N, C-alpha and C. Protein backbone atom coordinates (compact mmCIF):
# COMPACT_ATOMS: atom_id res chain seq x y z
N UNK A 1 10.28 3.04 15.53
CA UNK A 1 11.09 1.93 15.92
C UNK A 1 12.53 2.24 15.52
N UNK A 2 13.44 2.04 16.43
CA UNK A 2 14.84 2.34 16.15
C UNK A 2 15.50 1.19 15.39
N UNK A 3 16.64 1.50 14.77
CA UNK A 3 17.40 0.48 14.05
C UNK A 3 17.82 -0.65 14.99
N UNK A 4 18.20 -0.31 16.22
CA UNK A 4 18.59 -1.33 17.19
C UNK A 4 17.42 -2.24 17.56
N UNK A 5 16.20 -1.67 17.69
CA UNK A 5 15.03 -2.49 18.00
C UNK A 5 14.71 -3.46 16.86
N UNK A 6 14.86 -3.00 15.63
CA UNK A 6 14.63 -3.88 14.48
C UNK A 6 15.65 -5.01 14.48
N UNK A 7 16.92 -4.69 14.67
CA UNK A 7 17.97 -5.72 14.69
C UNK A 7 17.73 -6.72 15.83
N UNK A 8 17.34 -6.23 16.99
CA UNK A 8 17.08 -7.10 18.14
C UNK A 8 15.91 -8.04 17.83
N UNK A 9 14.85 -7.51 17.24
CA UNK A 9 13.69 -8.34 16.90
C UNK A 9 14.07 -9.39 15.86
N UNK A 10 14.82 -9.00 14.85
CA UNK A 10 15.21 -9.96 13.81
C UNK A 10 16.09 -11.06 14.40
N UNK A 11 16.97 -10.70 15.31
CA UNK A 11 17.81 -11.71 15.95
C UNK A 11 16.98 -12.67 16.79
N UNK A 12 16.00 -12.16 17.51
CA UNK A 12 15.14 -13.00 18.35
C UNK A 12 14.24 -13.88 17.50
N UNK A 13 13.91 -13.42 16.31
CA UNK A 13 13.00 -14.17 15.44
C UNK A 13 13.73 -15.16 14.55
N UNK A 14 15.04 -15.29 14.70
CA UNK A 14 15.77 -16.29 13.94
C UNK A 14 16.35 -15.81 12.63
N UNK A 15 16.41 -14.51 12.41
CA UNK A 15 17.07 -14.02 11.21
C UNK A 15 16.12 -13.47 10.17
N UNK A 16 16.32 -13.91 8.93
CA UNK A 16 15.61 -13.32 7.79
C UNK A 16 14.11 -13.60 7.83
N UNK A 17 13.38 -12.71 7.18
CA UNK A 17 11.93 -12.88 7.05
C UNK A 17 11.63 -14.08 6.15
N UNK A 18 10.53 -14.75 6.41
CA UNK A 18 10.10 -15.91 5.63
C UNK A 18 9.12 -15.46 4.55
N UNK A 19 9.62 -14.67 3.59
CA UNK A 19 8.76 -14.16 2.53
C UNK A 19 9.59 -13.85 1.29
N UNK A 20 8.89 -13.67 0.17
CA UNK A 20 9.49 -13.23 -1.07
C UNK A 20 8.81 -11.93 -1.46
N UNK A 21 9.53 -11.03 -2.13
CA UNK A 21 8.91 -9.76 -2.52
C UNK A 21 9.34 -9.33 -3.90
N UNK A 22 8.51 -8.50 -4.51
CA UNK A 22 8.78 -7.86 -5.79
C UNK A 22 8.30 -6.43 -5.65
N UNK A 23 9.18 -5.46 -5.92
CA UNK A 23 8.84 -4.06 -5.72
C UNK A 23 8.97 -3.26 -7.00
N UNK A 24 8.05 -2.32 -7.18
CA UNK A 24 8.15 -1.36 -8.28
C UNK A 24 7.85 0.03 -7.75
N UNK A 25 8.34 1.01 -8.48
CA UNK A 25 8.05 2.41 -8.19
C UNK A 25 7.57 3.08 -9.45
N UNK A 26 7.60 4.39 -9.44
CA UNK A 26 7.17 5.17 -10.61
C UNK A 26 8.06 4.80 -11.80
N UNK A 27 7.47 4.58 -12.94
CA UNK A 27 8.20 4.19 -14.14
C UNK A 27 9.02 5.38 -14.67
N UNK A 28 10.23 5.10 -15.17
CA UNK A 28 11.05 6.13 -15.77
C UNK A 28 11.82 6.98 -14.78
N UNK A 29 11.93 6.55 -13.53
CA UNK A 29 12.65 7.31 -12.51
C UNK A 29 14.15 7.07 -12.70
N UNK A 30 14.89 8.11 -13.11
CA UNK A 30 16.32 7.97 -13.40
C UNK A 30 17.07 7.47 -12.17
N UNK A 31 17.89 6.47 -12.38
CA UNK A 31 18.68 5.90 -11.29
C UNK A 31 17.96 4.83 -10.50
N UNK A 32 16.67 4.67 -10.70
CA UNK A 32 15.87 3.69 -9.97
C UNK A 32 14.94 2.94 -10.93
N UNK A 33 15.53 2.24 -11.90
CA UNK A 33 14.66 1.58 -12.88
C UNK A 33 13.90 0.40 -12.27
N UNK A 34 12.68 0.25 -12.71
CA UNK A 34 11.95 -0.96 -12.36
C UNK A 34 12.56 -2.11 -13.15
N UNK A 35 12.63 -3.26 -12.53
CA UNK A 35 13.18 -4.45 -13.20
C UNK A 35 12.05 -5.43 -13.43
N UNK A 36 11.69 -5.56 -14.69
CA UNK A 36 10.54 -6.39 -15.06
C UNK A 36 11.00 -7.74 -15.61
N UNK A 37 10.20 -8.77 -15.38
CA UNK A 37 10.50 -10.05 -16.04
C UNK A 37 10.52 -9.85 -17.56
N UNK A 38 11.53 -10.34 -18.21
CA UNK A 38 11.69 -10.10 -19.65
C UNK A 38 10.66 -10.82 -20.50
N UNK A 39 10.12 -11.91 -20.01
CA UNK A 39 9.24 -12.75 -20.82
C UNK A 39 7.76 -12.62 -20.46
N UNK A 40 7.39 -11.53 -19.75
CA UNK A 40 5.99 -11.42 -19.31
C UNK A 40 5.53 -9.96 -19.36
N UNK A 41 5.27 -9.46 -20.57
CA UNK A 41 4.80 -8.08 -20.76
C UNK A 41 3.44 -7.86 -20.10
N UNK A 42 2.59 -8.88 -20.08
CA UNK A 42 1.27 -8.74 -19.47
C UNK A 42 1.40 -8.43 -17.97
N UNK A 43 2.32 -9.08 -17.28
CA UNK A 43 2.55 -8.80 -15.87
C UNK A 43 2.93 -7.33 -15.67
N UNK A 44 3.84 -6.83 -16.51
CA UNK A 44 4.26 -5.43 -16.42
C UNK A 44 3.07 -4.50 -16.64
N UNK A 45 2.27 -4.76 -17.65
CA UNK A 45 1.11 -3.91 -17.94
C UNK A 45 0.12 -3.90 -16.78
N UNK A 46 -0.16 -5.08 -16.24
CA UNK A 46 -1.12 -5.19 -15.12
C UNK A 46 -0.58 -4.46 -13.90
N UNK A 47 0.71 -4.63 -13.59
CA UNK A 47 1.29 -4.01 -12.39
C UNK A 47 1.37 -2.49 -12.54
N UNK A 48 1.68 -2.00 -13.74
CA UNK A 48 1.72 -0.55 -13.96
C UNK A 48 0.32 0.04 -13.81
N UNK A 49 -0.69 -0.66 -14.29
CA UNK A 49 -2.07 -0.21 -14.12
C UNK A 49 -2.46 -0.21 -12.64
N UNK A 50 -2.11 -1.28 -11.94
CA UNK A 50 -2.42 -1.38 -10.51
C UNK A 50 -1.70 -0.28 -9.72
N UNK A 51 -0.43 -0.03 -10.06
CA UNK A 51 0.34 1.04 -9.42
C UNK A 51 -0.38 2.38 -9.57
N UNK A 52 -0.85 2.67 -10.78
CA UNK A 52 -1.54 3.93 -11.04
C UNK A 52 -2.87 4.00 -10.28
N UNK A 53 -3.60 2.92 -10.23
CA UNK A 53 -4.86 2.90 -9.48
C UNK A 53 -4.61 3.13 -7.98
N UNK A 54 -3.55 2.55 -7.46
CA UNK A 54 -3.20 2.76 -6.05
C UNK A 54 -2.75 4.20 -5.81
N UNK A 55 -2.02 4.78 -6.77
CA UNK A 55 -1.60 6.18 -6.64
C UNK A 55 -2.83 7.09 -6.57
N UNK A 56 -3.81 6.82 -7.39
CA UNK A 56 -5.04 7.61 -7.38
C UNK A 56 -5.80 7.42 -6.07
N UNK A 57 -5.87 6.18 -5.59
CA UNK A 57 -6.54 5.91 -4.32
C UNK A 57 -5.83 6.62 -3.17
N UNK A 58 -4.51 6.62 -3.20
CA UNK A 58 -3.73 7.32 -2.17
C UNK A 58 -4.11 8.80 -2.12
N UNK A 59 -4.25 9.43 -3.29
CA UNK A 59 -4.63 10.84 -3.35
C UNK A 59 -6.01 11.06 -2.73
N UNK A 60 -6.94 10.15 -2.99
CA UNK A 60 -8.29 10.27 -2.42
C UNK A 60 -8.25 10.10 -0.90
N UNK A 61 -7.48 9.11 -0.43
CA UNK A 61 -7.36 8.90 1.02
C UNK A 61 -6.77 10.13 1.69
N UNK A 62 -5.77 10.74 1.07
CA UNK A 62 -5.15 11.93 1.65
C UNK A 62 -6.13 13.10 1.70
N UNK A 63 -7.04 13.19 0.73
CA UNK A 63 -8.09 14.20 0.80
C UNK A 63 -8.97 13.96 2.02
N UNK A 64 -9.32 12.70 2.26
CA UNK A 64 -10.13 12.37 3.43
C UNK A 64 -9.42 12.70 4.73
N UNK A 65 -8.12 12.44 4.79
CA UNK A 65 -7.34 12.77 5.99
C UNK A 65 -7.31 14.28 6.19
N UNK A 66 -7.13 15.03 5.10
CA UNK A 66 -7.13 16.49 5.19
C UNK A 66 -8.46 16.99 5.74
N UNK A 67 -9.56 16.47 5.23
CA UNK A 67 -10.89 16.88 5.72
C UNK A 67 -11.02 16.54 7.20
N UNK A 68 -10.59 15.33 7.58
CA UNK A 68 -10.68 14.91 8.98
C UNK A 68 -9.85 15.76 9.92
N UNK A 69 -8.77 16.32 9.42
CA UNK A 69 -7.91 17.18 10.24
C UNK A 69 -8.35 18.64 10.21
N UNK A 70 -9.43 18.92 9.46
CA UNK A 70 -9.93 20.29 9.39
C UNK A 70 -9.09 21.17 8.47
N UNK A 71 -8.39 20.56 7.55
CA UNK A 71 -7.56 21.30 6.59
C UNK A 71 -8.34 21.39 5.28
N UNK A 72 -7.85 22.15 4.35
CA UNK A 72 -8.50 22.21 3.05
C UNK A 72 -8.39 20.86 2.35
N UNK A 73 -9.40 20.50 1.57
CA UNK A 73 -9.45 19.20 0.92
C UNK A 73 -8.22 18.95 0.05
N UNK A 74 -7.61 19.97 -0.50
CA UNK A 74 -6.44 19.84 -1.37
C UNK A 74 -5.12 20.06 -0.63
N UNK A 75 -5.15 20.07 0.70
CA UNK A 75 -3.96 20.38 1.49
C UNK A 75 -2.76 19.52 1.11
N UNK A 76 -2.96 18.21 0.90
CA UNK A 76 -1.86 17.31 0.59
C UNK A 76 -1.63 17.10 -0.92
N UNK A 77 -2.42 17.75 -1.76
CA UNK A 77 -2.40 17.49 -3.21
C UNK A 77 -1.00 17.63 -3.81
N UNK A 78 -0.28 18.69 -3.48
CA UNK A 78 1.05 18.89 -4.05
C UNK A 78 2.05 17.83 -3.57
N UNK A 79 1.78 17.24 -2.40
CA UNK A 79 2.69 16.23 -1.85
C UNK A 79 2.50 14.86 -2.51
N UNK A 80 1.31 14.59 -3.02
CA UNK A 80 1.03 13.25 -3.55
C UNK A 80 0.89 13.19 -5.07
N UNK A 81 0.88 14.34 -5.75
CA UNK A 81 0.60 14.32 -7.20
C UNK A 81 1.68 13.63 -8.01
N UNK A 82 2.94 13.66 -7.58
CA UNK A 82 4.02 13.05 -8.35
C UNK A 82 3.97 11.52 -8.29
N UNK A 83 3.48 10.99 -7.21
CA UNK A 83 3.39 9.54 -7.10
C UNK A 83 4.66 8.87 -6.64
N UNK A 84 5.26 9.38 -5.57
CA UNK A 84 6.45 8.75 -4.99
C UNK A 84 6.00 7.57 -4.14
N UNK A 85 5.51 6.54 -4.80
CA UNK A 85 4.95 5.39 -4.12
C UNK A 85 5.78 4.15 -4.42
N UNK A 86 5.62 3.15 -3.58
CA UNK A 86 6.22 1.85 -3.79
C UNK A 86 5.10 0.82 -3.79
N UNK A 87 5.10 -0.04 -4.78
CA UNK A 87 4.17 -1.16 -4.83
C UNK A 87 4.99 -2.40 -4.53
N UNK A 88 4.66 -3.05 -3.43
CA UNK A 88 5.41 -4.23 -2.99
C UNK A 88 4.46 -5.42 -2.97
N UNK A 89 4.80 -6.41 -3.80
CA UNK A 89 4.05 -7.66 -3.80
C UNK A 89 4.77 -8.63 -2.88
N UNK A 90 4.04 -9.21 -1.94
CA UNK A 90 4.64 -10.16 -1.01
C UNK A 90 4.03 -11.54 -1.21
N UNK A 91 4.87 -12.54 -1.13
CA UNK A 91 4.43 -13.93 -1.20
C UNK A 91 5.05 -14.67 -0.02
N UNK A 92 4.22 -15.38 0.69
CA UNK A 92 4.68 -16.16 1.83
C UNK A 92 4.61 -17.63 1.43
N UNK A 93 5.71 -18.19 0.94
CA UNK A 93 5.69 -19.58 0.48
C UNK A 93 5.50 -20.54 1.64
N UNK A 94 4.98 -21.71 1.31
CA UNK A 94 4.83 -22.74 2.33
C UNK A 94 6.17 -23.12 2.92
N UNK A 95 6.20 -23.28 4.22
CA UNK A 95 7.42 -23.71 4.91
C UNK A 95 7.01 -24.74 5.95
N UNK A 96 7.93 -25.60 6.36
CA UNK A 96 7.61 -26.58 7.41
C UNK A 96 7.32 -25.87 8.73
N UNK A 97 6.48 -26.48 9.54
CA UNK A 97 6.09 -25.87 10.82
C UNK A 97 7.29 -25.55 11.69
N UNK A 98 8.34 -26.38 11.64
CA UNK A 98 9.49 -26.13 12.50
C UNK A 98 10.30 -24.90 12.07
N UNK A 99 9.95 -24.31 10.92
CA UNK A 99 10.60 -23.06 10.50
C UNK A 99 10.29 -21.93 11.46
N UNK A 100 9.24 -22.10 12.26
CA UNK A 100 8.85 -21.05 13.20
C UNK A 100 9.25 -21.37 14.64
N UNK A 101 10.17 -22.30 14.79
CA UNK A 101 10.69 -22.62 16.12
C UNK A 101 11.41 -21.41 16.68
N UNK A 102 11.46 -21.33 17.96
CA UNK A 102 12.19 -20.25 18.66
C UNK A 102 11.66 -18.86 18.32
N UNK A 103 10.36 -18.73 18.07
CA UNK A 103 9.76 -17.42 17.87
C UNK A 103 9.94 -16.82 16.50
N UNK A 104 10.47 -17.57 15.55
CA UNK A 104 10.67 -17.05 14.19
C UNK A 104 9.31 -16.69 13.58
N UNK A 105 9.28 -15.63 12.79
CA UNK A 105 8.03 -15.14 12.20
C UNK A 105 8.20 -14.95 10.70
N UNK A 106 7.07 -14.77 10.00
CA UNK A 106 7.11 -14.53 8.56
C UNK A 106 7.76 -13.20 8.22
N UNK A 107 7.41 -12.17 8.94
CA UNK A 107 7.96 -10.84 8.71
C UNK A 107 8.23 -10.22 10.08
N UNK A 108 9.47 -9.83 10.30
CA UNK A 108 9.84 -9.26 11.58
C UNK A 108 9.13 -7.95 11.87
N UNK A 109 9.16 -7.57 13.12
CA UNK A 109 8.56 -6.33 13.58
C UNK A 109 9.13 -5.17 12.75
N UNK A 110 8.26 -4.32 12.25
CA UNK A 110 8.70 -3.19 11.43
C UNK A 110 7.62 -2.13 11.41
N UNK A 111 7.97 -0.97 10.94
CA UNK A 111 6.97 0.07 10.68
C UNK A 111 7.12 0.47 9.22
N UNK A 112 6.01 0.78 8.59
CA UNK A 112 6.04 1.19 7.19
C UNK A 112 6.42 2.67 7.11
N UNK A 113 6.90 3.07 5.95
CA UNK A 113 7.29 4.46 5.74
C UNK A 113 6.29 5.11 4.79
N UNK A 114 6.30 6.41 4.74
CA UNK A 114 5.37 7.13 3.87
C UNK A 114 4.14 7.57 4.65
N UNK A 115 3.16 8.06 3.92
CA UNK A 115 1.97 8.61 4.58
C UNK A 115 0.89 7.58 4.83
N UNK A 116 0.71 6.62 3.92
CA UNK A 116 -0.39 5.66 4.02
C UNK A 116 0.09 4.31 3.48
N UNK A 117 -0.34 3.22 4.10
CA UNK A 117 -0.12 1.89 3.57
C UNK A 117 -1.45 1.33 3.14
N UNK A 118 -1.55 0.94 1.88
CA UNK A 118 -2.74 0.26 1.37
C UNK A 118 -2.41 -1.23 1.40
N UNK A 119 -3.18 -1.99 2.14
CA UNK A 119 -2.91 -3.41 2.31
C UNK A 119 -3.97 -4.22 1.58
N UNK A 120 -3.54 -5.02 0.62
CA UNK A 120 -4.44 -5.90 -0.13
C UNK A 120 -4.05 -7.32 0.23
N UNK A 121 -5.03 -8.18 0.38
CA UNK A 121 -4.71 -9.55 0.77
C UNK A 121 -5.68 -10.53 0.13
N UNK A 122 -5.29 -11.78 0.18
CA UNK A 122 -6.18 -12.82 -0.32
C UNK A 122 -7.12 -13.25 0.80
N UNK A 123 -7.83 -14.32 0.62
CA UNK A 123 -8.83 -14.74 1.61
C UNK A 123 -8.22 -15.27 2.90
N UNK A 124 -6.91 -15.47 2.94
CA UNK A 124 -6.28 -15.96 4.16
C UNK A 124 -6.03 -14.87 5.19
N UNK A 125 -5.95 -13.63 4.74
CA UNK A 125 -5.74 -12.53 5.68
C UNK A 125 -4.32 -12.44 6.17
N UNK A 126 -4.14 -11.65 7.22
CA UNK A 126 -2.82 -11.42 7.80
C UNK A 126 -3.02 -10.96 9.24
N UNK A 127 -1.97 -10.57 9.89
CA UNK A 127 -2.11 -9.99 11.22
C UNK A 127 -1.13 -8.85 11.36
N UNK A 128 -1.47 -7.94 12.23
CA UNK A 128 -0.57 -6.83 12.53
C UNK A 128 -0.26 -6.88 14.01
N UNK A 129 0.75 -6.18 14.40
CA UNK A 129 1.15 -6.18 15.80
C UNK A 129 1.32 -4.75 16.27
N UNK A 130 0.76 -4.46 17.39
CA UNK A 130 0.98 -3.19 18.06
C UNK A 130 1.62 -3.52 19.39
N UNK A 131 2.92 -3.32 19.47
CA UNK A 131 3.74 -3.80 20.57
C UNK A 131 3.56 -5.31 20.64
N UNK A 132 2.94 -5.85 21.70
CA UNK A 132 2.82 -7.30 21.78
C UNK A 132 1.41 -7.79 21.47
N UNK A 133 0.50 -6.90 21.09
CA UNK A 133 -0.88 -7.30 20.81
C UNK A 133 -1.05 -7.62 19.34
N UNK A 134 -1.47 -8.84 19.02
CA UNK A 134 -1.72 -9.25 17.65
C UNK A 134 -3.16 -8.92 17.29
N UNK A 135 -3.35 -8.33 16.13
CA UNK A 135 -4.70 -7.99 15.66
C UNK A 135 -4.90 -8.61 14.28
N UNK A 136 -5.77 -9.62 14.15
CA UNK A 136 -5.96 -10.23 12.83
C UNK A 136 -6.68 -9.30 11.88
N UNK A 137 -6.31 -9.37 10.61
CA UNK A 137 -7.02 -8.67 9.54
C UNK A 137 -7.54 -9.77 8.63
N UNK A 138 -8.84 -9.97 8.62
CA UNK A 138 -9.42 -11.07 7.87
C UNK A 138 -9.57 -10.69 6.41
N UNK A 139 -9.03 -11.53 5.52
CA UNK A 139 -9.09 -11.27 4.10
C UNK A 139 -10.48 -11.53 3.54
N UNK A 140 -10.85 -10.75 2.52
CA UNK A 140 -12.13 -10.93 1.85
C UNK A 140 -11.94 -11.22 0.38
N UNK A 141 -10.78 -10.98 -0.14
CA UNK A 141 -10.54 -11.16 -1.56
C UNK A 141 -9.34 -10.38 -1.98
N UNK A 142 -9.13 -10.23 -3.25
CA UNK A 142 -7.95 -9.50 -3.71
C UNK A 142 -8.32 -8.34 -4.62
N UNK A 143 -9.56 -7.93 -4.62
CA UNK A 143 -9.98 -6.81 -5.45
C UNK A 143 -9.55 -5.49 -4.85
N UNK A 144 -9.35 -4.50 -5.70
CA UNK A 144 -8.94 -3.18 -5.25
C UNK A 144 -9.95 -2.61 -4.25
N UNK A 145 -11.22 -2.96 -4.40
CA UNK A 145 -12.25 -2.45 -3.48
C UNK A 145 -12.10 -2.99 -2.07
N UNK A 146 -11.28 -4.04 -1.87
CA UNK A 146 -11.14 -4.64 -0.56
C UNK A 146 -9.90 -4.16 0.18
N UNK A 147 -9.45 -2.95 -0.10
CA UNK A 147 -8.22 -2.42 0.51
C UNK A 147 -8.48 -2.07 1.97
N UNK A 148 -7.47 -2.33 2.80
CA UNK A 148 -7.44 -1.83 4.16
C UNK A 148 -6.43 -0.70 4.18
N UNK A 149 -6.77 0.39 4.80
CA UNK A 149 -5.85 1.52 4.93
C UNK A 149 -5.29 1.47 6.33
N UNK A 150 -3.97 1.30 6.43
CA UNK A 150 -3.31 1.19 7.73
C UNK A 150 -2.55 2.45 8.04
């Protein structure tokens, strides 16, 4: 998707996305510090653990992709061992129904970057779009075992 297509979609959808986010990356990355809530060490500990578990899962998924492509099982190992990952927590707060007037959406049309997106959701689920076709993803819970790989 080009930058112009993203801008056009955001303009048609009424501007900013209707969501809140919190992002972290690898801890100790010079120039890119994670910014943690000062009064909640437990949140930081849980998120760092979750980040590491997702990094490990990403490595396993990449092994599966390598096997599926007929490459050696460790083909991507050097590319994923450092853990250049982003963990993004998204929250979609309640908004009035008229917030979606004129085609406005929760998150504008976009494509993710990187090799794999691990999508975790609550029981409400989400939807994805491929051009104009909407495909629902039904949520089952929020456990790590319930990941969808997109």
